[in-house]
């Protein structure tokens, strides 16, 4: 596979996953009560537990995004 193709692939992965992360974070901040209301119908849990789960989700997603998508793209840009 060409270096240019890998750079393009990781660039688009970065854009798509970065957009998804940003939308998720904004929704958690501004629509947290609505998200809790919807999910508490399916999975009854205290609000504090739900907040910890959301925080863990955002942190885990961010770490995966940085390690497996952003860093490889930056490395490909540096060697290209």
Protein backbone atom coordinates (compact mmCIF):
# COMPACT_ATOMS: atom_id res chain seq x y z
CA UNK A 1 0.00 0.00 0.00
CA UNK A 2 1.27 3.46 -0.85
CA UNK A 3 2.22 5.97 1.80
CA UNK A 4 -0.10 8.53 0.21
CA UNK A 5 -3.06 6.14 0.47
CA UNK A 6 -2.35 5.47 4.15
CA UNK A 7 -2.09 9.18 4.83
CA UNK A 8 -5.44 9.78 3.15
CA UNK A 9 -7.04 6.89 5.02
CA UNK A 10 -5.87 8.08 8.44
CA UNK A 11 -6.74 11.68 7.59
CA UNK A 12 -10.34 10.74 6.88
CA UNK A 13 -10.45 8.49 9.95
CA UNK A 14 -9.24 11.43 12.02
CA UNK A 15 -11.87 13.74 10.57
CA UNK A 16 -14.74 11.28 10.99
CA UNK A 17 -13.81 10.05 14.48
CA UNK A 18 -12.92 13.56 15.66
CA UNK A 19 -16.30 14.81 14.50
CA UNK A 20 -18.06 11.91 16.21
CA UNK A 21 -16.15 12.56 19.45
CA UNK A 22 -16.91 16.27 19.34
CA UNK A 23 -20.62 15.67 18.77
CA UNK A 24 -20.68 13.11 21.59
CA UNK A 25 -18.93 15.45 24.01
CA UNK A 26 -21.20 18.38 23.13
CA UNK A 27 -24.29 16.20 23.54
CA UNK A 28 -23.08 14.94 26.92
CA UNK A 29 -22.47 18.50 28.10
CA UNK A 30 -25.61 20.19 26.78
CA UNK A 31 -28.10 17.31 26.63
CA UNK A 32 -26.95 15.22 29.59
CA UNK A 33 -30.34 15.26 31.31
CA UNK A 34 -32.13 14.17 28.15
CA UNK A 35 -29.61 11.37 27.55
CA UNK A 36 -30.01 10.24 31.16
CA UNK A 37 -33.82 10.24 30.85
CA UNK A 38 -33.74 8.13 27.70
CA UNK A 39 -31.19 5.63 28.99
CA UNK A 40 -32.63 5.35 32.48
CA UNK A 41 -35.78 3.87 30.94
CA UNK A 42 -33.73 0.98 29.57
CA UNK A 43 -31.13 0.65 32.30
CA UNK A 44 -32.25 2.00 35.67
CA UNK A 45 -29.28 3.48 37.53
CA UNK A 46 -28.56 6.49 39.74
CA UNK A 47 -27.61 9.75 38.05
CA UNK A 48 -24.13 9.68 39.64
CA UNK A 49 -23.40 6.27 38.14
CA UNK A 50 -24.59 7.43 34.74
CA UNK A 51 -22.31 10.47 34.94
CA UNK A 52 -19.31 8.25 35.72
CA UNK A 53 -20.19 5.96 32.80
CA UNK A 54 -20.44 8.92 30.40
CA UNK A 55 -17.15 10.34 31.64
CA UNK A 56 -15.49 6.94 31.25
CA UNK A 57 -16.90 6.57 27.73
CA UNK A 58 -15.57 9.95 26.63
CA UNK A 59 -12.16 9.32 28.18
CA UNK A 60 -11.83 5.82 26.70
CA UNK A 61 -12.94 7.00 23.25
CA UNK A 62 -10.47 9.90 23.36
CA UNK A 63 -7.57 7.63 24.31
CA UNK A 64 -8.43 5.16 21.52
CA UNK A 65 -8.80 8.02 19.06
CA UNK A 66 -5.42 9.53 19.93
CA UNK A 67 -3.47 6.25 20.10
CA UNK A 68 -4.91 4.40 17.10
CA UNK A 69 -5.94 7.16 14.69
CA UNK A 70 -4.35 10.54 15.37
CA UNK A 71 -0.81 9.42 16.25
CA UNK A 72 -0.45 7.06 13.24
CA UNK A 73 -1.67 9.83 10.92
CA UNK A 74 0.83 12.30 12.39
CA UNK A 75 3.61 9.72 12.11
CA UNK A 76 2.76 9.08 8.46
CA UNK A 77 2.80 12.81 7.82
CA UNK A 78 6.24 13.14 9.42
CA UNK A 79 7.80 10.30 7.40
CA UNK A 80 6.09 11.40 4.19
